[in-house]
Protein backbone atom coordinates (compact mmCIF):
# COMPACT_ATOMS: atom_id res chain seq x y z
CA MET A 1 -70.05 5.90 -36.54
CA ALA A 2 -68.58 5.00 -33.16
CA ARG A 3 -65.35 3.11 -32.96
CA TYR A 4 -64.75 0.52 -30.31
CA ASN A 5 -61.42 -0.75 -28.97
CA THR A 6 -60.58 -4.15 -30.24
CA GLY A 7 -58.81 -6.73 -28.11
CA LYS A 8 -55.42 -5.97 -29.72
CA GLN A 9 -55.68 -2.28 -28.97
CA SER A 10 -56.58 -2.97 -25.33
CA VAL A 11 -53.58 -5.22 -24.95
CA ARG A 12 -51.30 -2.57 -26.47
CA ILE A 13 -52.66 0.14 -24.18
CA ALA A 14 -52.35 -2.11 -21.10
CA GLY A 15 -48.83 -3.15 -22.15
CA GLY A 16 -47.78 0.49 -22.65
CA PHE A 17 -49.22 1.45 -19.29
CA LEU A 18 -47.42 -1.47 -17.61
CA LEU A 19 -44.13 -0.49 -19.27
CA ILE A 20 -44.48 3.09 -18.02
CA LEU A 21 -45.16 1.81 -14.48
CA ILE A 22 -42.11 -0.46 -14.55
CA LEU A 23 -39.80 2.24 -15.87
CA SER A 24 -41.00 4.84 -13.39
CA GLY A 25 -40.68 2.33 -10.56
CA CYS A 26 -37.09 1.49 -11.56
CA ALA A 27 -36.16 5.16 -11.67
CA GLY A 28 -36.93 5.44 -7.98
CA CYS A 29 -35.11 2.27 -6.99
CA GLY A 30 -31.59 3.54 -7.63
CA THR A 31 -28.97 1.49 -9.37
CA LEU A 32 -29.40 -2.19 -10.05
CA PHE A 33 -25.78 -2.97 -9.09
CA GLU A 34 -24.02 -1.24 -6.21
CA GLN A 35 -20.24 -0.94 -6.34
CA PRO A 36 -18.66 -3.71 -4.22
CA GLY A 37 -16.27 -2.71 -1.45
CA LEU A 38 -12.63 -3.73 -1.98
CA LYS A 39 -9.67 -3.49 0.37
CA ILE A 40 -6.35 -5.22 0.90
CA HIS A 41 -6.85 -7.55 3.85
CA SER A 42 -3.30 -8.89 4.18
CA ILE A 43 -0.04 -9.59 2.37
CA HIS A 44 2.06 -12.72 2.98
CA ILE A 45 5.57 -13.62 1.83
CA LYS A 46 5.34 -17.11 0.35
CA LYS A 47 9.00 -17.56 -0.57
CA ILE A 48 12.10 -15.77 -1.73
CA ARG A 49 14.50 -17.62 -4.01
CA ASN A 50 16.81 -16.95 -6.94
CA LEU A 51 16.20 -13.19 -6.85
CA GLU A 52 12.44 -13.66 -7.00
CA ALA A 53 9.92 -12.92 -4.28
CA PHE A 54 6.51 -14.56 -4.21
CA PHE A 55 3.67 -12.96 -2.25
CA ARG A 56 0.05 -13.82 -1.57
CA VAL A 57 -2.21 -10.79 -1.42
CA ASP A 58 -5.65 -11.21 0.15
CA ILE A 59 -8.35 -8.80 -1.03
CA GLU A 60 -11.56 -8.51 0.96
CA VAL A 61 -14.50 -8.10 -1.43
CA TYR A 62 -17.86 -7.06 0.03
CA ASN A 63 -20.93 -7.54 -2.15
CA PRO A 64 -23.75 -5.18 -1.04
CA ASN A 65 -26.07 -6.42 -3.80
CA LEU A 66 -29.03 -8.79 -3.64
CA VAL A 67 -27.42 -11.04 -6.27
CA SER A 68 -24.11 -12.86 -6.39
CA PHE A 69 -21.38 -12.12 -8.91
CA GLU A 70 -18.26 -13.96 -10.03
CA ILE A 71 -14.72 -12.60 -10.29
CA LYS A 72 -12.89 -13.96 -13.37
CA ASN A 73 -9.46 -12.46 -12.77
CA ILE A 74 -7.45 -9.71 -11.11
CA GLU A 75 -5.08 -7.34 -12.89
CA CYS A 76 -2.84 -4.93 -10.99
CA GLU A 77 0.42 -2.99 -10.84
CA VAL A 78 2.46 -3.06 -7.63
CA GLU A 79 4.90 -0.35 -6.51
CA MET A 80 7.22 -0.31 -3.53
CA GLU A 81 8.95 2.86 -2.44
CA GLY A 82 7.65 4.52 -5.62
CA LYS A 83 9.23 1.94 -7.96
CA PRO A 84 7.24 -0.57 -10.03
CA VAL A 85 8.03 -4.08 -8.77
CA ALA A 86 5.33 -6.30 -10.30
CA SER A 87 2.58 -6.51 -12.86
CA VAL A 88 -0.09 -9.12 -12.22
CA ALA A 89 -2.76 -10.86 -14.29
CA TYR A 90 -4.15 -13.65 -12.12
CA GLU A 91 -7.07 -16.01 -12.86
CA VAL A 92 -9.35 -16.25 -9.83
CA ASN A 93 -12.89 -17.58 -10.54
CA ALA A 94 -14.34 -16.63 -7.15
CA LEU A 95 -18.07 -16.45 -6.43
CA ILE A 96 -19.05 -13.52 -4.19
CA PRO A 97 -22.47 -14.25 -2.61
CA SER A 98 -24.97 -11.47 -2.03
CA ARG A 99 -24.48 -9.28 1.05
CA THR A 100 -21.30 -11.13 2.02
CA ALA A 101 -17.61 -10.32 2.41
CA VAL A 102 -15.17 -12.86 0.94
CA ILE A 103 -11.36 -12.97 1.08
CA VAL A 104 -10.01 -13.49 -2.45
CA PRO A 105 -6.31 -14.43 -2.62
CA PHE A 106 -4.01 -13.83 -5.57
CA GLU A 107 -0.28 -14.23 -6.13
CA VAL A 108 2.33 -11.60 -6.94
CA GLN A 109 5.81 -12.39 -8.22
CA SER A 110 8.52 -9.73 -8.10
CA THR A 111 12.09 -9.61 -9.38
CA SER A 112 12.92 -6.19 -7.92
CA PHE A 113 16.42 -6.66 -6.48
CA ASP A 114 16.20 -3.71 -4.03
CA MET A 115 12.90 -4.86 -2.57
CA ILE A 116 14.04 -8.49 -2.27
CA ALA A 117 17.32 -7.47 -0.60
CA THR A 118 15.44 -5.36 1.96
CA LEU A 119 13.00 -8.18 2.76
CA LEU A 120 15.82 -10.74 3.05
CA ASN A 121 17.67 -8.51 5.52
CA ILE A 122 14.52 -8.14 7.63
CA LEU A 123 13.87 -11.90 7.58
CA LYS A 124 17.52 -12.75 8.39
CA SER A 125 17.45 -10.43 11.41
CA ASN A 126 14.51 -12.45 12.76
CA ARG A 127 11.99 -9.77 11.74
CA LYS A 128 13.63 -7.12 13.92
CA THR A 129 14.54 -4.08 11.88
CA GLU A 130 15.36 -0.42 12.15
CA ILE A 131 13.30 0.12 9.01
CA LYS A 132 9.88 1.28 10.11
CA LYS A 133 8.23 1.78 6.76
CA ILE A 134 8.23 0.32 3.24
CA GLU A 135 5.57 2.12 1.21
CA TYR A 136 3.51 0.05 -1.21
CA LYS A 137 0.83 0.93 -3.76
CA ILE A 138 -1.41 -1.47 -5.62
CA ASN A 139 -3.57 -0.20 -8.48
CA GLY A 140 -5.75 -2.68 -10.27
CA LYS A 141 -9.10 -4.01 -11.28
CA ILE A 142 -11.15 -7.13 -10.80
CA ASN A 143 -12.83 -8.44 -13.93
CA LEU A 144 -16.30 -9.89 -13.47
CA SER A 145 -18.36 -12.52 -15.22
CA SER A 146 -21.00 -9.83 -15.29
CA PRO A 147 -24.71 -10.13 -15.36
CA PHE A 148 -26.16 -7.64 -17.86
CA TYR A 149 -26.70 -4.95 -15.20
CA ALA A 150 -23.19 -5.02 -13.66
CA PRO A 151 -19.95 -3.47 -14.90
CA SER A 152 -17.39 -5.77 -16.53
CA SER A 153 -14.61 -4.59 -14.19
CA ILE A 154 -14.18 -2.75 -10.89
CA ALA A 155 -11.09 -0.68 -10.09
CA PHE A 156 -9.33 -0.75 -6.73
CA ARG A 157 -6.38 1.01 -5.14
CA SER A 158 -4.54 0.44 -1.91
CA GLU A 159 -1.45 1.97 -0.36
CA GLY A 160 0.25 1.82 2.97
CA ASN A 161 3.11 0.34 4.95
CA LEU A 162 4.13 -3.12 3.74
CA LEU A 163 5.68 -3.97 7.12
CA GLU A 164 2.31 -3.46 8.82
CA LYS A 165 0.51 -5.63 6.25
CA LEU A 166 3.16 -8.35 6.74
CA GLY A 167 2.71 -8.12 10.52
CA ILE A 168 6.41 -7.32 11.09
CA LEU A 169 5.93 -4.10 13.09
CA LYS A 170 3.44 -5.73 15.50
CA GLN A 171 6.00 -8.34 16.61
CA GLN A 172 8.65 -5.85 17.75
């Protein structure tokens, strides 16, 4: 006795074939979410008062993906001259459109007496200084309101000369 495919079996076979095609097609497409590019764009002194320094740090975030994503917050540790000077957890809520670079600002507050004294001396001398270098390091992560295919956070690291980022060396 010959057996014929029923409608349900045909649908199952077609569905299985379609699933195999989709999965094999995705394997050749690469990742669904490319790692965004992150770099420190600039650092600005907002104010110095009562042994506290307030900075605005601008991070440039480039989204190479075809879909937008949203940054919920930024967490980072800041060092100057090898000493920890600040720990930051800052709410951001910034939308990064697809294939676009966006400057995302966040604030840093420091109570490091040595760092504040050095910056005050530079500012009092009208930005002219014999000091040519203040090393900084920022290690952190941005936390995303992730779509299902994206990571929940992305790490970043930046280091360099704080005086260059503040624009002090260019003015001399």
